[in-house]
């Protein structure tokens, strides 16, 4: 039995060497996993409409709608792997900006405090407030 497995291994390696740049190990690690790609990606790959590296990248997109749109665009526009990876990054939701969120909260709290404040009774404070509001408007 061991001899039979050894001969089969030699036949496989010989066949792969005849086909091109493949080794049995390389085939096992890079090409065989392609069989586990999502059906839509695998079908386009089998049709030869996209390279396997691009198919693997597109298969990382879990949302079926996003993946289908990206796959269609990649085929139609013959996108490079770099372009595909950039589009995948754009599909990922950006994490919330904690600084922006905290500034928005702080601004809202200050507005509420300002409404009920006694600042309106002091002319100097009202003038300073107008200057600060003008500066805020200039930022926007």
C-alpha atoms as a PDB file:
ATOM      1  CA  UNK A   1       0.000   0.000   0.000  1.00  0.00           C
ATOM      2  CA  UNK A   2       2.792   2.433   0.903  1.00  0.00           C
ATOM      3  CA  UNK A   3       4.499   1.739  -2.415  1.00  0.00           C
ATOM      4  CA  UNK A   4       1.236   2.425  -4.274  1.00  0.00           C
ATOM      5  CA  UNK A   5       0.788   5.768  -2.503  1.00  0.00           C
ATOM      6  CA  UNK A   6       4.404   6.650  -3.270  1.00  0.00           C
ATOM      7  CA  UNK A   7       3.896   5.894  -6.981  1.00  0.00           C
ATOM      8  CA  UNK A   8       0.702   7.943  -7.046  1.00  0.00           C
ATOM      9  CA  UNK A   9       2.570  10.803  -5.442  1.00  0.00           C
ATOM     10  CA  UNK A  10       5.283  10.566  -8.091  1.00  0.00           C
ATOM     11  CA  UNK A  11       2.683  10.537 -10.869  1.00  0.00           C
ATOM     12  CA  UNK A  12       0.972  13.589  -9.407  1.00  0.00           C
ATOM     13  CA  UNK A  13       4.252  15.502  -9.037  1.00  0.00           C
ATOM     14  CA  UNK A  14       5.299  14.529 -12.547  1.00  0.00           C
ATOM     15  CA  UNK A  15       1.957  15.666 -13.968  1.00  0.00           C
ATOM     16  CA  UNK A  16       2.130  18.958 -12.100  1.00  0.00           C
ATOM     17  CA  UNK A  17       5.703  19.545 -13.275  1.00  0.00           C
ATOM     18  CA  UNK A  18       4.597  18.904 -16.856  1.00  0.00           C
ATOM     19  CA  UNK A  19       1.759  21.424 -16.517  1.00  0.00           C
ATOM     20  CA  UNK A  20       3.973  24.225 -15.340  1.00  0.00           C
ATOM     21  CA  UNK A  21       5.300  25.806 -12.196  1.00  0.00           C
ATOM     22  CA  UNK A  22       3.426  23.627  -9.730  1.00  0.00           C
ATOM     23  CA  UNK A  23       4.768  21.446  -7.016  1.00  0.00           C
ATOM     24  CA  UNK A  24       2.488  19.099  -5.154  1.00  0.00           C
ATOM     25  CA  UNK A  25       2.863  21.231  -2.020  1.00  0.00           C
ATOM     26  CA  UNK A  26       2.204  24.458  -3.888  1.00  0.00           C
ATOM     27  CA  UNK A  27      -0.859  22.968  -5.526  1.00  0.00           C
ATOM     28  CA  UNK A  28      -2.146  21.723  -2.193  1.00  0.00           C
ATOM     29  CA  UNK A  29      -1.692  25.067  -0.435  1.00  0.00           C
ATOM     30  CA  UNK A  30      -2.633  27.563  -3.149  1.00  0.00           C
ATOM     31  CA  UNK A  31      -4.902  25.914  -5.713  1.00  0.00           C
ATOM     32  CA  UNK A  32      -6.800  23.175  -3.920  1.00  0.00           C
ATOM     33  CA  UNK A  33      -8.415  25.609  -1.434  1.00  0.00           C
ATOM     34  CA  UNK A  34     -10.027  27.341  -4.415  1.00  0.00           C
ATOM     35  CA  UNK A  35     -12.646  24.594  -4.345  1.00  0.00           C
ATOM     36  CA  UNK A  36     -13.946  26.135  -1.110  1.00  0.00           C
ATOM     37  CA  UNK A  37     -14.649  29.528  -2.707  1.00  0.00           C
ATOM     38  CA  UNK A  38     -18.238  30.791  -2.732  1.00  0.00           C
ATOM     39  CA  UNK A  39     -20.197  29.351  -5.654  1.00  0.00           C
ATOM     40  CA  UNK A  40     -20.506  32.634  -7.560  1.00  0.00           C
ATOM     41  CA  UNK A  41     -16.770  33.304  -7.414  1.00  0.00           C
ATOM     42  CA  UNK A  42     -15.865  29.699  -8.201  1.00  0.00           C
ATOM     43  CA  UNK A  43     -18.098  29.696 -11.291  1.00  0.00           C
ATOM     44  CA  UNK A  44     -16.452  32.826 -12.723  1.00  0.00           C
ATOM     45  CA  UNK A  45     -13.031  31.361 -11.937  1.00  0.00           C
ATOM     46  CA  UNK A  46     -13.902  28.084 -13.681  1.00  0.00           C
ATOM     47  CA  UNK A  47     -15.020  30.048 -16.732  1.00  0.00           C
ATOM     48  CA  UNK A  48     -11.576  31.634 -16.851  1.00  0.00           C
ATOM     49  CA  UNK A  49     -12.973  35.145 -16.563  1.00  0.00           C
ATOM     50  CA  UNK A  50     -10.853  36.002 -13.514  1.00  0.00           C
ATOM     51  CA  UNK A  51      -7.475  34.980 -12.095  1.00  0.00           C
ATOM     52  CA  UNK A  52      -7.333  32.819  -9.004  1.00  0.00           C
ATOM     53  CA  UNK A  53      -5.578  35.492  -6.904  1.00  0.00           C
ATOM     54  CA  UNK A  54      -8.371  37.940  -7.643  1.00  0.00           C
ATOM     55  CA  UNK A  55     -10.996  35.279  -6.943  1.00  0.00           C
ATOM     56  CA  UNK A  56      -9.455  34.560  -3.540  1.00  0.00           C
ATOM     57  CA  UNK A  57      -9.477  38.261  -2.673  1.00  0.00           C
ATOM     58  CA  UNK A  58     -13.097  38.745  -3.737  1.00  0.00           C
ATOM     59  CA  UNK A  59     -14.148  35.638  -1.817  1.00  0.00           C
ATOM     60  CA  UNK A  60     -13.089  37.371   1.424  1.00  0.00           C
ATOM     61  CA  UNK A  61     -16.124  39.675   1.079  1.00  0.00           C
ATOM     62  CA  UNK A  62     -18.798  38.040   3.216  1.00  0.00           C
ATOM     63  CA  UNK A  63     -21.809  40.102   2.117  1.00  0.00           C
ATOM     64  CA  UNK A  64     -23.208  38.345  -0.959  1.00  0.00           C
ATOM     65  CA  UNK A  65     -24.510  41.534  -2.564  1.00  0.00           C
ATOM     66  CA  UNK A  66     -21.225  43.374  -2.119  1.00  0.00           C
ATOM     67  CA  UNK A  67     -19.306  40.356  -3.365  1.00  0.00           C
ATOM     68  CA  UNK A  68     -21.506  39.964  -6.453  1.00  0.00           C
ATOM     69  CA  UNK A  69     -21.124  43.644  -7.326  1.00  0.00           C
ATOM     70  CA  UNK A  70     -17.368  43.541  -6.849  1.00  0.00           C
ATOM     71  CA  UNK A  71     -17.068  40.336  -8.861  1.00  0.00           C
ATOM     72  CA  UNK A  72     -19.068  41.788 -11.745  1.00  0.00           C
ATOM     73  CA  UNK A  73     -17.026  44.980 -11.726  1.00  0.00           C
ATOM     74  CA  UNK A  74     -13.725  43.086 -11.518  1.00  0.00           C
ATOM     75  CA  UNK A  75     -14.620  41.026 -14.573  1.00  0.00           C
ATOM     76  CA  UNK A  76     -16.132  43.843 -16.635  1.00  0.00           C
ATOM     77  CA  UNK A  77     -13.384  46.370 -15.923  1.00  0.00           C
ATOM     78  CA  UNK A  78     -10.546  43.820 -15.705  1.00  0.00           C
ATOM     79  CA  UNK A  79      -9.504  45.299 -12.357  1.00  0.00           C
ATOM     80  CA  UNK A  80      -6.053  44.602 -10.999  1.00  0.00           C
ATOM     81  CA  UNK A  81      -5.596  42.809  -7.690  1.00  0.00           C
ATOM     82  CA  UNK A  82      -4.521  46.111  -6.124  1.00  0.00           C
ATOM     83  CA  UNK A  83      -7.702  47.821  -7.324  1.00  0.00           C
ATOM     84  CA  UNK A  84      -9.808  44.950  -6.006  1.00  0.00           C
ATOM     85  CA  UNK A  85      -8.130  45.132  -2.599  1.00  0.00           C
ATOM     86  CA  UNK A  86      -8.758  48.901  -2.438  1.00  0.00           C
ATOM     87  CA  UNK A  87     -12.429  48.360  -3.231  1.00  0.00           C
ATOM     88  CA  UNK A  88     -12.625  45.681  -0.537  1.00  0.00           C
ATOM     89  CA  UNK A  89     -11.181  48.143   1.973  1.00  0.00           C
ATOM     90  CA  UNK A  90     -13.814  50.692   0.952  1.00  0.00           C
ATOM     91  CA  UNK A  91     -16.542  48.134   1.628  1.00  0.00           C
ATOM     92  CA  UNK A  92     -15.438  47.760   5.229  1.00  0.00           C
ATOM     93  CA  UNK A  93     -17.240  50.169   7.553  1.00  0.00           C
ATOM     94  CA  UNK A  94     -14.926  52.765   8.965  1.00  0.00           C
ATOM     95  CA  UNK A  95     -14.601  52.682  12.746  1.00  0.00           C
ATOM     96  CA  UNK A  96     -16.226  55.566  14.547  1.00  0.00           C
ATOM     97  CA  UNK A  97     -13.931  58.463  15.298  1.00  0.00           C
ATOM     98  CA  UNK A  98     -13.905  58.782  19.108  1.00  0.00           C
ATOM     99  CA  UNK A  99     -12.541  62.326  18.959  1.00  0.00           C
ATOM    100  CA  UNK A 100     -15.319  63.443  16.635  1.00  0.00           C
ATOM    101  CA  UNK A 101     -17.985  61.749  18.740  1.00  0.00           C
ATOM    102  CA  UNK A 102     -16.694  63.269  21.954  1.00  0.00           C
ATOM    103  CA  UNK A 103     -16.461  66.720  20.361  1.00  0.00           C
ATOM    104  CA  UNK A 104     -20.044  66.457  19.105  1.00  0.00           C
ATOM    105  CA  UNK A 105     -21.211  65.462  22.563  1.00  0.00           C
ATOM    106  CA  UNK A 106     -19.258  68.260  24.195  1.00  0.00           C
ATOM    107  CA  UNK A 107     -20.648  70.818  21.729  1.00  0.00           C
ATOM    108  CA  UNK A 108     -24.222  69.673  22.397  1.00  0.00           C
ATOM    109  CA  UNK A 109     -23.721  69.843  26.160  1.00  0.00           C
ATOM    110  CA  UNK A 110     -22.232  73.342  25.923  1.00  0.00           C
ATOM    111  CA  UNK A 111     -25.170  74.502  23.792  1.00  0.00           C
ATOM    112  CA  UNK A 112     -27.639  73.244  26.371  1.00  0.00           C
ATOM    113  CA  UNK A 113     -25.717  74.854  29.220  1.00  0.00           C
ATOM    114  CA  UNK A 114     -25.425  78.104  27.298  1.00  0.00           C
ATOM    115  CA  UNK A 115     -29.190  78.320  26.818  1.00  0.00           C
ATOM    116  CA  UNK A 116     -29.845  78.253  30.548  1.00  0.00           C
ATOM    117  CA  UNK A 117     -26.785  80.224  31.571  1.00  0.00           C
ATOM    118  CA  UNK A 118     -26.659  83.715  33.032  1.00  0.00           C
ATOM    119  CA  UNK A 119     -24.027  84.700  30.462  1.00  0.00           C
ATOM    120  CA  UNK A 120     -26.685  86.697  28.607  1.00  0.00           C
ATOM    121  CA  UNK A 121     -26.938  89.178  31.473  1.00  0.00           C
ATOM    122  CA  UNK A 122     -23.260  90.216  31.297  1.00  0.00           C
ATOM    123  CA  UNK A 123     -22.420  92.455  28.309  1.00  0.00           C
ATOM    124  CA  UNK A 124     -18.727  91.522  28.362  1.00  0.00           C
ATOM    125  CA  UNK A 125     -19.525  87.814  28.328  1.00  0.00           C
ATOM    126  CA  UNK A 126     -22.021  88.277  25.479  1.00  0.00           C
ATOM    127  CA  UNK A 127     -19.346  90.116  23.463  1.00  0.00           C
ATOM    128  CA  UNK A 128     -16.804  87.348  24.155  1.00  0.00           C
ATOM    129  CA  UNK A 129     -19.404  84.735  23.216  1.00  0.00           C
ATOM    130  CA  UNK A 130     -20.045  86.513  19.906  1.00  0.00           C
ATOM    131  CA  UNK A 131     -16.307  86.493  19.168  1.00  0.00           C
ATOM    132  CA  UNK A 132     -16.058  82.767  19.933  1.00  0.00           C
ATOM    133  CA  UNK A 133     -19.125  81.961  17.830  1.00  0.00           C
ATOM    134  CA  UNK A 134     -17.633  83.921  14.952  1.00  0.00           C
ATOM    135  CA  UNK A 135     -14.422  81.888  15.261  1.00  0.00           C
ATOM    136  CA  UNK A 136     -16.455  78.652  15.186  1.00  0.00           C
ATOM    137  CA  UNK A 137     -18.251  79.834  12.051  1.00  0.00           C
ATOM    138  CA  UNK A 138     -14.890  80.518  10.411  1.00  0.00           C
ATOM    139  CA  UNK A 139     -13.802  76.942  11.127  1.00  0.00           C
ATOM    140  CA  UNK A 140     -16.841  75.600   9.358  1.00  0.00           C
END
